[in-house]
Amino acid sequence: MRKLSISVPPDVAERLERESNASAYITQAVRDRMRLDALDAELAHQGIAITEQGVAEARARRAAVEAEWSPERRSALRERARQHGLDAAAGALEQPAA
């Protein structure tokens, strides 16, 4: 482990102050970002360019599909995603620290 001292904007500081373990929270956030960066690099390596326009178009298509969902389906999917997040977080806690 290494101890770091960082400066963050007030809104970030307020959020971190609500965490029981800010270091673990920050570590997970950085690891999540590292995974996204690795995915972006792999997609670029495969010749797939992620553009702001492409992301905007994909979001618009998703919003159009979701607009057709019933409130029950939306609630069920939200709960499924929440549970998946909880399961992933529990799995991350069970892994030994690097």
PDB file of N, CA and C in Angstrom:
ATOM      1  N   MET A   1       0.831  -1.190   0.000  1.00  0.00           N
ATOM      2  CA  MET A   1       0.000   0.000   0.000  1.00  0.00           C
ATOM      3  C   MET A   1       0.869   1.245   0.000  1.00  0.00           C
ATOM      4  N   ARG A   2       0.373   2.254  -0.671  1.00  0.00           N
ATOM      5  CA  ARG A   2       1.021   3.571  -0.655  1.00  0.00           C
ATOM      6  C   ARG A   2       0.003   4.588  -0.203  1.00  0.00           C
ATOM      7  N   LYS A   3       0.441   5.518   0.591  1.00  0.00           N
ATOM      8  CA  LYS A   3      -0.433   6.583   1.055  1.00  0.00           C
ATOM      9  C   LYS A   3      -0.241   7.782   0.144  1.00  0.00           C
ATOM     10  N   LEU A   4      -1.363   8.340  -0.334  1.00  0.00           N
ATOM     11  CA  LEU A   4      -1.333   9.502  -1.206  1.00  0.00           C
ATOM     12  C   LEU A   4      -2.150  10.626  -0.572  1.00  0.00           C
ATOM     13  N   SER A   5      -1.775  11.813  -0.895  1.00  0.00           N
ATOM     14  CA  SER A   5      -2.555  12.974  -0.491  1.00  0.00           C
ATOM     15  C   SER A   5      -3.065  13.620  -1.768  1.00  0.00           C
ATOM     16  N   ILE A   6      -4.388  13.782  -1.869  1.00  0.00           N
ATOM     17  CA  ILE A   6      -4.960  14.341  -3.081  1.00  0.00           C
ATOM     18  C   ILE A   6      -5.847  15.531  -2.740  1.00  0.00           C
ATOM     19  N   SER A   7      -6.064  16.371  -3.729  1.00  0.00           N
ATOM     20  CA  SER A   7      -6.993  17.488  -3.598  1.00  0.00           C
ATOM     21  C   SER A   7      -8.167  17.206  -4.519  1.00  0.00           C
ATOM     22  N   VAL A   8      -9.370  17.430  -4.012  1.00  0.00           N
ATOM     23  CA  VAL A   8     -10.580  17.194  -4.798  1.00  0.00           C
ATOM     24  C   VAL A   8     -11.517  18.387  -4.661  1.00  0.00           C
ATOM     25  N   PRO A   9     -12.402  18.591  -5.627  1.00  0.00           N
ATOM     26  CA  PRO A   9     -13.374  19.672  -5.540  1.00  0.00           C
ATOM     27  C   PRO A   9     -14.340  19.427  -4.367  1.00  0.00           C
ATOM     28  N   PRO A  10     -14.994  20.466  -3.897  1.00  0.00           N
ATOM     29  CA  PRO A  10     -15.892  20.332  -2.741  1.00  0.00           C
ATOM     30  C   PRO A  10     -16.981  19.279  -2.904  1.00  0.00           C
ATOM     31  N   ASP A  11     -17.591  19.166  -4.083  1.00  0.00           N
ATOM     32  CA  ASP A  11     -18.652  18.182  -4.253  1.00  0.00           C
ATOM     33  C   ASP A  11     -18.130  16.753  -4.108  1.00  0.00           C
ATOM     34  N   VAL A  12     -16.916  16.517  -4.587  1.00  0.00           N
ATOM     35  CA  VAL A  12     -16.304  15.194  -4.451  1.00  0.00           C
ATOM     36  C   VAL A  12     -15.948  14.936  -2.988  1.00  0.00           C
ATOM     37  N   ALA A  13     -15.404  15.939  -2.322  1.00  0.00           N
ATOM     38  CA  ALA A  13     -15.055  15.801  -0.906  1.00  0.00           C
ATOM     39  C   ALA A  13     -16.299  15.467  -0.075  1.00  0.00           C
ATOM     40  N   GLU A  14     -17.401  16.150  -0.371  1.00  0.00           N
ATOM     41  CA  GLU A  14     -18.652  15.878   0.367  1.00  0.00           C
ATOM     42  C   GLU A  14     -19.106  14.449   0.155  1.00  0.00           C
ATOM     43  N   ARG A  15     -18.980  13.951  -1.072  1.00  0.00           N
ATOM     44  CA  ARG A  15     -19.381  12.574  -1.358  1.00  0.00           C
ATOM     45  C   ARG A  15     -18.488  11.584  -0.621  1.00  0.00           C
ATOM     46  N   LEU A  16     -17.182  11.838  -0.642  1.00  0.00           N
ATOM     47  CA  LEU A  16     -16.250  10.926   0.026  1.00  0.00           C
ATOM     48  C   LEU A  16     -16.445  10.917   1.540  1.00  0.00           C
ATOM     49  N   GLU A  17     -16.843  12.039   2.090  1.00  0.00           N
ATOM     50  CA  GLU A  17     -17.067  12.118   3.536  1.00  0.00           C
ATOM     51  C   GLU A  17     -18.231  11.236   3.977  1.00  0.00           C
ATOM     52  N   ARG A  18     -19.123  10.888   3.072  1.00  0.00           N
ATOM     53  CA  ARG A  18     -20.244  10.005   3.407  1.00  0.00           C
ATOM     54  C   ARG A  18     -19.855   8.531   3.367  1.00  0.00           C
ATOM     55  N   GLU A  19     -18.677   8.227   2.870  1.00  0.00           N
ATOM     56  CA  GLU A  19     -18.213   6.840   2.774  1.00  0.00           C
ATOM     57  C   GLU A  19     -17.541   6.406   4.069  1.00  0.00           C
ATOM     58  N   SER A  20     -17.801   5.176   4.473  1.00  0.00           N
ATOM     59  CA  SER A  20     -17.121   4.650   5.666  1.00  0.00           C
ATOM     60  C   SER A  20     -15.654   4.363   5.369  1.00  0.00           C
ATOM     61  N   ASN A  21     -15.336   4.076   4.107  1.00  0.00           N
ATOM     62  CA  ASN A  21     -13.958   3.811   3.708  1.00  0.00           C
ATOM     63  C   ASN A  21     -13.698   4.510   2.375  1.00  0.00           C
ATOM     64  N   ALA A  22     -13.317   5.769   2.440  1.00  0.00           N
ATOM     65  CA  ALA A  22     -13.100   6.564   1.229  1.00  0.00           C
ATOM     66  C   ALA A  22     -11.995   5.964   0.363  1.00  0.00           C
ATOM     67  N   SER A  23     -10.979   5.399   0.982  1.00  0.00           N
ATOM     68  CA  SER A  23      -9.889   4.806   0.194  1.00  0.00           C
ATOM     69  C   SER A  23     -10.395   3.659  -0.669  1.00  0.00           C
ATOM     70  N   ALA A  24     -11.225   2.793  -0.108  1.00  0.00           N
ATOM     71  CA  ALA A  24     -11.778   1.675  -0.873  1.00  0.00           C
ATOM     72  C   ALA A  24     -12.685   2.193  -1.982  1.00  0.00           C
ATOM     73  N   TYR A  25     -13.457   3.228  -1.681  1.00  0.00           N
ATOM     74  CA  TYR A  25     -14.359   3.809  -2.676  1.00  0.00           C
ATOM     75  C   TYR A  25     -13.564   4.375  -3.849  1.00  0.00           C
ATOM     76  N   ILE A  26     -12.529   5.118  -3.561  1.00  0.00           N
ATOM     77  CA  ILE A  26     -11.689   5.706  -4.605  1.00  0.00           C
ATOM     78  C   ILE A  26     -10.974   4.615  -5.393  1.00  0.00           C
ATOM     79  N   THR A  27     -10.462   3.612  -4.687  1.00  0.00           N
ATOM     80  CA  THR A  27      -9.774   2.510  -5.352  1.00  0.00           C
ATOM     81  C   THR A  27     -10.697   1.826  -6.355  1.00  0.00           C
ATOM     82  N   GLN A  28     -11.944   1.554  -5.945  1.00  0.00           N
ATOM     83  CA  GLN A  28     -12.886   0.900  -6.851  1.00  0.00           C
ATOM     84  C   GLN A  28     -13.211   1.799  -8.038  1.00  0.00           C
ATOM     85  N   ALA A  29     -13.388   3.089  -7.791  1.00  0.00           N
ATOM     86  CA  ALA A  29     -13.685   4.020  -8.884  1.00  0.00           C
ATOM     87  C   ALA A  29     -12.537   4.066  -9.887  1.00  0.00           C
ATOM     88  N   VAL A  30     -11.325   4.083  -9.404  1.00  0.00           N
ATOM     89  CA  VAL A  30     -10.161   4.127 -10.305  1.00  0.00           C
ATOM     90  C   VAL A  30     -10.042   2.810 -11.066  1.00  0.00           C
ATOM     91  N   ARG A  31     -10.266   1.695 -10.390  1.00  0.00           N
ATOM     92  CA  ARG A  31     -10.201   0.403 -11.088  1.00  0.00           C
ATOM     93  C   ARG A  31     -11.290   0.301 -12.153  1.00  0.00           C
ATOM     94  N   ASP A  32     -12.491   0.810 -11.846  1.00  0.00           N
ATOM     95  CA  ASP A  32     -13.557   0.826 -12.848  1.00  0.00           C
ATOM     96  C   ASP A  32     -13.118   1.633 -14.069  1.00  0.00           C
ATOM     97  N   ARG A  33     -12.504   2.782 -13.823  1.00  0.00           N
ATOM     98  CA  ARG A  33     -12.032   3.627 -14.930  1.00  0.00           C
ATOM     99  C   ARG A  33     -10.918   2.932 -15.708  1.00  0.00           C
ATOM    100  N   MET A  34     -10.045   2.224 -15.002  1.00  0.00           N
ATOM    101  CA  MET A  34      -8.970   1.494 -15.673  1.00  0.00           C
ATOM    102  C   MET A  34      -9.547   0.428 -16.606  1.00  0.00           C
ATOM    103  N   ARG A  35     -10.614  -0.257 -16.166  1.00  0.00           N
ATOM    104  CA  ARG A  35     -11.257  -1.262 -17.011  1.00  0.00           C
ATOM    105  C   ARG A  35     -11.873  -0.610 -18.247  1.00  0.00           C
ATOM    106  N   LEU A  36     -12.503   0.551 -18.070  1.00  0.00           N
ATOM    107  CA  LEU A  36     -13.069   1.254 -19.219  1.00  0.00           C
ATOM    108  C   LEU A  36     -11.980   1.693 -20.190  1.00  0.00           C
ATOM    109  N   ASP A  37     -10.869   2.189 -19.660  1.00  0.00           N
ATOM    110  CA  ASP A  37      -9.754   2.590 -20.515  1.00  0.00           C
ATOM    111  C   ASP A  37      -9.194   1.394 -21.289  1.00  0.00           C
ATOM    112  N   ALA A  38      -9.107   0.246 -20.611  1.00  0.00           N
ATOM    113  CA  ALA A  38      -8.617  -0.962 -21.276  1.00  0.00           C
ATOM    114  C   ALA A  38      -9.586  -1.405 -22.364  1.00  0.00           C
ATOM    115  N   LEU A  39     -10.881  -1.294 -22.093  1.00  0.00           N
ATOM    116  CA  LEU A  39     -11.882  -1.638 -23.107  1.00  0.00           C
ATOM    117  C   LEU A  39     -11.772  -0.699 -24.304  1.00  0.00           C
ATOM    118  N   ASP A  40     -11.649   0.593 -24.040  1.00  0.00           N
ATOM    119  CA  ASP A  40     -11.478   1.556 -25.140  1.00  0.00           C
ATOM    120  C   ASP A  40     -10.245   1.217 -25.976  1.00  0.00           C
ATOM    121  N   ALA A  41      -9.155   0.867 -25.304  1.00  0.00           N
ATOM    122  CA  ALA A  41      -7.921   0.527 -26.022  1.00  0.00           C
ATOM    123  C   ALA A  41      -8.116  -0.732 -26.861  1.00  0.00           C
ATOM    124  N   GLU A  42      -8.785  -1.730 -26.316  1.00  0.00           N
ATOM    125  CA  GLU A  42      -9.026  -2.967 -27.066  1.00  0.00           C
ATOM    126  C   GLU A  42      -9.940  -2.713 -28.259  1.00  0.00           C
ATOM    127  N   LEU A  43     -10.982  -1.919 -28.066  1.00  0.00           N
ATOM    128  CA  LEU A  43     -11.861  -1.595 -29.186  1.00  0.00           C
ATOM    129  C   LEU A  43     -11.090  -0.853 -30.275  1.00  0.00           C
ATOM    130  N   ALA A  44     -10.258   0.094 -29.877  1.00  0.00           N
ATOM    131  CA  ALA A  44      -9.441   0.826 -30.855  1.00  0.00           C
ATOM    132  C   ALA A  44      -8.503  -0.133 -31.581  1.00  0.00           C
ATOM    133  N   HIS A  45      -7.920  -1.084 -30.847  1.00  0.00           N
ATOM    134  CA  HIS A  45      -7.026  -2.080 -31.451  1.00  0.00           C
ATOM    135  C   HIS A  45      -7.772  -2.920 -32.489  1.00  0.00           C
ATOM    136  N   GLN A  46      -9.058  -3.167 -32.233  1.00  0.00           N
ATOM    137  CA  GLN A  46      -9.874  -3.954 -33.157  1.00  0.00           C
ATOM    138  C   GLN A  46     -10.467  -3.098 -34.275  1.00  0.00           C
ATOM    139  N   GLY A  47     -10.123  -1.804 -34.279  1.00  0.00           N
ATOM    140  CA  GLY A  47     -10.604  -0.914 -35.334  1.00  0.00           C
ATOM    141  C   GLY A  47     -11.968  -0.317 -35.083  1.00  0.00           C
ATOM    142  N   ILE A  48     -12.428  -0.367 -33.835  1.00  0.00           N
ATOM    143  CA  ILE A  48     -13.734   0.192 -33.490  1.00  0.00           C
ATOM    144  C   ILE A  48     -13.519   1.526 -32.800  1.00  0.00           C
ATOM    145  N   ALA A  49     -13.945   2.590 -33.446  1.00  0.00           N
ATOM    146  CA  ALA A  49     -13.764   3.932 -32.897  1.00  0.00           C
ATOM    147  C   ALA A  49     -15.016   4.339 -32.123  1.00  0.00           C
ATOM    148  N   ILE A  50     -14.824   4.780 -30.895  1.00  0.00           N
ATOM    149  CA  ILE A  50     -15.912   5.293 -30.073  1.00  0.00           C
ATOM    150  C   ILE A  50     -15.897   6.812 -30.211  1.00  0.00           C
ATOM    151  N   THR A  51     -16.971   7.359 -30.751  1.00  0.00           N
ATOM    152  CA  THR A  51     -17.047   8.803 -30.939  1.00  0.00           C
ATOM    153  C   THR A  51     -18.185   9.371 -30.097  1.00  0.00           C
ATOM    154  N   GLU A  52     -18.133  10.665 -29.837  1.00  0.00           N
ATOM    155  CA  GLU A  52     -19.222  11.315 -29.098  1.00  0.00           C
ATOM    156  C   GLU A  52     -20.530  11.179 -29.858  1.00  0.00           C
ATOM    157  N   GLN A  53     -20.473  11.324 -31.180  1.00  0.00           N
ATOM    158  CA  GLN A  53     -21.679  11.193 -31.994  1.00  0.00           C
ATOM    159  C   GLN A  53     -22.247   9.777 -31.889  1.00  0.00           C
ATOM    160  N   GLY A  54     -21.380   8.770 -31.964  1.00  0.00           N
ATOM    161  CA  GLY A  54     -21.835   7.388 -31.846  1.00  0.00           C
ATOM    162  C   GLY A  54     -22.454   7.098 -30.493  1.00  0.00           C
ATOM    163  N   VAL A  55     -21.841   7.625 -29.449  1.00  0.00           N
ATOM    164  CA  VAL A  55     -22.385   7.437 -28.094  1.00  0.00           C
ATOM    165  C   VAL A  55     -23.749   8.113 -27.991  1.00  0.00           C
ATOM    166  N   ALA A  56     -23.868   9.337 -28.517  1.00  0.00           N
ATOM    167  CA  ALA A  56     -25.142  10.057 -28.478  1.00  0.00           C
ATOM    168  C   ALA A  56     -26.232   9.294 -29.234  1.00  0.00           C
ATOM    169  N   GLU A  57     -25.874   8.745 -30.392  1.00  0.00           N
ATOM    170  CA  GLU A  57     -26.844   7.976 -31.179  1.00  0.00           C
ATOM    171  C   GLU A  57     -27.272   6.711 -30.433  1.00  0.00           C
ATOM    172  N   ALA A  58     -26.330   6.038 -29.816  1.00  0.00           N
ATOM    173  CA  ALA A  58     -26.658   4.828 -29.060  1.00  0.00           C
ATOM    174  C   ALA A  58     -27.561   5.162 -27.870  1.00  0.00           C
ATOM    175  N   ARG A  59     -27.270   6.259 -27.185  1.00  0.00           N
ATOM    176  CA  ARG A  59     -28.120   6.675 -26.061  1.00  0.00           C
ATOM    177  C   ARG A  59     -29.528   6.995 -26.535  1.00  0.00           C
ATOM    178  N   ALA A  60     -29.646   7.651 -27.687  1.00  0.00           N
ATOM    179  CA  ALA A  60     -30.965   7.992 -28.221  1.00  0.00           C
ATOM    180  C   ALA A  60     -31.742   6.725 -28.576  1.00  0.00           C
ATOM    181  N   ARG A  61     -31.060   5.746 -29.192  1.00  0.00           N
ATOM    182  CA  ARG A  61     -31.732   4.480 -29.517  1.00  0.00           C
ATOM    183  C   ARG A  61     -32.184   3.769 -28.247  1.00  0.00           C
ATOM    184  N   ARG A  62     -31.324   3.772 -27.242  1.00  0.00           N
ATOM    185  CA  ARG A  62     -31.685   3.120 -25.972  1.00  0.00           C
ATOM    186  C   ARG A  62     -32.876   3.819 -25.332  1.00  0.00           C
ATOM    187  N   ALA A  63     -32.878   5.153 -25.318  1.00  0.00           N
ATOM    188  CA  ALA A  63     -33.980   5.907 -24.730  1.00  0.00           C
ATOM    189  C   ALA A  63     -35.289   5.601 -25.461  1.00  0.00           C
ATOM    190  N   ALA A  64     -35.225   5.462 -26.788  1.00  0.00           N
ATOM    191  CA  ALA A  64     -36.430   5.152 -27.560  1.00  0.00           C
ATOM    192  C   ALA A  64     -36.981   3.782 -27.185  1.00  0.00           C
ATOM    193  N   VAL A  65     -36.102   2.817 -27.004  1.00  0.00           N
ATOM    194  CA  VAL A  65     -36.532   1.473 -26.606  1.00  0.00           C
ATOM    195  C   VAL A  65     -37.101   1.508 -25.192  1.00  0.00           C
ATOM    196  N   GLU A  66     -36.404   2.162 -24.281  1.00  0.00           N
ATOM    197  CA  GLU A  66     -36.858   2.214 -22.894  1.00  0.00           C
ATOM    198  C   GLU A  66     -38.190   2.948 -22.752  1.00  0.00           C
ATOM    199  N   ALA A  67     -38.449   3.907 -23.643  1.00  0.00           N
ATOM    200  CA  ALA A  67     -39.709   4.649 -23.581  1.00  0.00           C
ATOM    201  C   ALA A  67     -40.904   3.727 -23.807  1.00  0.00           C
ATOM    202  N   GLU A  68     -40.687   2.605 -24.477  1.00  0.00           N
ATOM    203  CA  GLU A  68     -41.760   1.641 -24.747  1.00  0.00           C
ATOM    204  C   GLU A  68     -41.970   0.654 -23.594  1.00  0.00           C
ATOM    205  N   TRP A  69     -41.068   0.662 -22.601  1.00  0.00           N
ATOM    206  CA  TRP A  69     -41.182  -0.288 -21.501  1.00  0.00           C
ATOM    207  C   TRP A  69     -42.288   0.115 -20.538  1.00  0.00           C
ATOM    208  N   SER A  70     -42.921  -0.894 -19.978  1.00  0.00           N
ATOM    209  CA  SER A  70     -43.916  -0.641 -18.939  1.00  0.00           C
ATOM    210  C   SER A  70     -43.181  -0.280 -17.641  1.00  0.00           C
ATOM    211  N   PRO A  71     -43.878   0.399 -16.720  1.00  0.00           N
ATOM    212  CA  PRO A  71     -43.249   0.706 -15.422  1.00  0.00           C
ATOM    213  C   PRO A  71     -42.790  -0.556 -14.694  1.00  0.00           C
ATOM    214  N   GLU A  72     -43.525  -1.647 -14.849  1.00  0.00           N
ATOM    215  CA  GLU A  72     -43.153  -2.898 -14.186  1.00  0.00           C
ATOM    216  C   GLU A  72     -41.841  -3.446 -14.755  1.00  0.00           C
ATOM    217  N   ARG A  73     -41.715  -3.398 -16.077  1.00  0.00           N
ATOM    218  CA  ARG A  73     -40.483  -3.899 -16.695  1.00  0.00           C
ATOM    219  C   ARG A  73     -39.298  -3.022 -16.294  1.00  0.00           C
ATOM    220  N   ARG A  74     -39.495  -1.717 -16.304  1.00  0.00           N
ATOM    221  CA  ARG A  74     -38.434  -0.794 -15.923  1.00  0.00           C
ATOM    222  C   ARG A  74     -37.990  -1.071 -14.479  1.00  0.00           C
ATOM    223  N   SER A  75     -38.949  -1.266 -13.593  1.00  0.00           N
ATOM    224  CA  SER A  75     -38.643  -1.544 -12.187  1.00  0.00           C
ATOM    225  C   SER A  75     -37.904  -2.869 -12.032  1.00  0.00           C
ATOM    226  N   ALA A  76     -38.346  -3.892 -12.744  1.00  0.00           N
ATOM    227  CA  ALA A  76     -37.701  -5.205 -12.662  1.00  0.00           C
ATOM    228  C   ALA A  76     -36.261  -5.133 -13.170  1.00  0.00           C
ATOM    229  N   LEU A  77     -36.047  -4.442 -14.276  1.00  0.00           N
ATOM    230  CA  LEU A  77     -34.691  -4.321 -14.817  1.00  0.00           C
ATOM    231  C   LEU A  77     -33.800  -3.487 -13.905  1.00  0.00           C
ATOM    232  N   ARG A  78     -34.354  -2.440 -13.320  1.00  0.00           N
ATOM    233  CA  ARG A  78     -33.589  -1.619 -12.385  1.00  0.00           C
ATOM    234  C   ARG A  78     -33.164  -2.463 -11.174  1.00  0.00           C
ATOM    235  N   GLU A  79     -34.080  -3.283 -10.670  1.00  0.00           N
ATOM    236  CA  GLU A  79     -33.760  -4.147  -9.531  1.00  0.00           C
ATOM    237  C   GLU A  79     -32.709  -5.189  -9.912  1.00  0.00           C
ATOM    238  N   ARG A  80     -32.832  -5.748 -11.110  1.00  0.00           N
ATOM    239  CA  ARG A  80     -31.847  -6.727 -11.583  1.00  0.00           C
ATOM    240  C   ARG A  80     -30.455  -6.092 -11.690  1.00  0.00           C
ATOM    241  N   ALA A  81     -30.388  -4.884 -12.211  1.00  0.00           N
ATOM    242  CA  ALA A  81     -29.105  -4.178 -12.321  1.00  0.00           C
ATOM    243  C   ALA A  81     -28.549  -3.855 -10.937  1.00  0.00           C
ATOM    244  N   ARG A  82     -29.423  -3.430 -10.028  1.00  0.00           N
ATOM    245  CA  ARG A  82     -28.983  -3.125  -8.660  1.00  0.00           C
ATOM    246  C   ARG A  82     -28.412  -4.379  -8.005  1.00  0.00           C
ATOM    247  N   GLN A  83     -29.096  -5.501  -8.157  1.00  0.00           N
ATOM    248  CA  GLN A  83     -28.626  -6.748  -7.554  1.00  0.00           C
ATOM    249  C   GLN A  83     -27.306  -7.186  -8.168  1.00  0.00           C
ATOM    250  N   HIS A  84     -27.171  -7.018  -9.473  1.00  0.00           N
ATOM    251  CA  HIS A  84     -25.912  -7.362 -10.140  1.00  0.00           C
ATOM    252  C   HIS A  84     -24.773  -6.520  -9.573  1.00  0.00           C
ATOM    253  N   GLY A  85     -25.035  -5.227  -9.369  1.00  0.00           N
ATOM    254  CA  GLY A  85     -24.024  -4.349  -8.785  1.00  0.00           C
ATOM    255  C   GLY A  85     -23.644  -4.782  -7.380  1.00  0.00           C
ATOM    256  N   LEU A  86     -24.636  -5.159  -6.595  1.00  0.00           N
ATOM    257  CA  LEU A  86     -24.353  -5.634  -5.235  1.00  0.00           C
ATOM    258  C   LEU A  86     -23.547  -6.929  -5.265  1.00  0.00           C
ATOM    259  N   ASP A  87     -23.905  -7.836  -6.179  1.00  0.00           N
ATOM    260  CA  ASP A  87     -23.172  -9.098  -6.298  1.00  0.00           C
ATOM    261  C   ASP A  87     -21.729  -8.840  -6.727  1.00  0.00           C
ATOM    262  N   ALA A  88     -21.535  -7.923  -7.673  1.00  0.00           N
ATOM    263  CA  ALA A  88     -20.184  -7.598  -8.142  1.00  0.00           C
ATOM    264  C   ALA A  88     -19.364  -6.973  -7.020  1.00  0.00           C
ATOM    265  N   ALA A  89     -19.984  -6.087  -6.253  1.00  0.00           N
ATOM    266  CA  ALA A  89     -19.276  -5.449  -5.137  1.00  0.00           C
ATOM    267  C   ALA A  89     -18.894  -6.486  -4.088  1.00  0.00           C
ATOM    268  N   ALA A  90     -19.791  -7.410  -3.809  1.00  0.00           N
ATOM    269  CA  ALA A  90     -19.484  -8.458  -2.831  1.00  0.00           C
ATOM    270  C   ALA A  90     -18.340  -9.332  -3.333  1.00  0.00           C
ATOM    271  N   GLY A  91     -18.348  -9.637  -4.623  1.00  0.00           N
ATOM    272  CA  GLY A  91     -17.259 -10.429  -5.200  1.00  0.00           C
ATOM    273  C   GLY A  91     -15.933  -9.703  -5.124  1.00  0.00           C
ATOM    274  N   ALA A  92     -15.954  -8.394  -5.333  1.00  0.00           N
ATOM    275  CA  ALA A  92     -14.719  -7.605  -5.259  1.00  0.00           C
ATOM    276  C   ALA A  92     -14.173  -7.589  -3.842  1.00  0.00           C
ATOM    277  N   LEU A  93     -15.066  -7.581  -2.858  1.00  0.00           N
ATOM    278  CA  LEU A  93     -14.624  -7.584  -1.465  1.00  0.00           C
ATOM    279  C   LEU A  93     -14.007  -8.913  -1.075  1.00  0.00           C
ATOM    280  N   GLU A  94     -14.441  -9.994  -1.736  1.00  0.00           N
ATOM    281  CA  GLU A  94     -13.927 -11.320  -1.415  1.00  0.00           C
ATOM    282  C   GLU A  94     -12.565 -11.594  -2.027  1.00  0.00           C
ATOM    283  N   GLN A  95     -12.183 -10.812  -3.056  1.00  0.00           N
ATOM    284  CA  GLN A  95     -10.896 -11.021  -3.708  1.00  0.00           C
ATOM    285  C   GLN A  95      -9.783 -10.495  -2.830  1.00  0.00           C
ATOM    286  N   PRO A  96      -8.653 -11.203  -2.782  1.00  0.00           N
ATOM    287  CA  PRO A  96      -7.529 -10.720  -1.975  1.00  0.00           C
ATOM    288  C   PRO A  96      -6.959  -9.431  -2.549  1.00  0.00           C
ATOM    289  N   ALA A  97      -6.494  -8.562  -1.669  1.00  0.00           N
ATOM    290  CA  ALA A  97      -5.902  -7.276  -2.098  1.00  0.00           C
ATOM    291  C   ALA A  97      -4.611  -7.533  -2.858  1.00  0.00           C
ATOM    292  N   ALA A  98      -4.369  -6.713  -3.873  1.00  0.00           N
ATOM    293  CA  ALA A  98      -3.148  -6.859  -4.684  1.00  0.00           C
ATOM    294  C   ALA A  98      -1.975  -6.219  -3.992  1.00  0.00           C
TER     295      ALA A  98
END
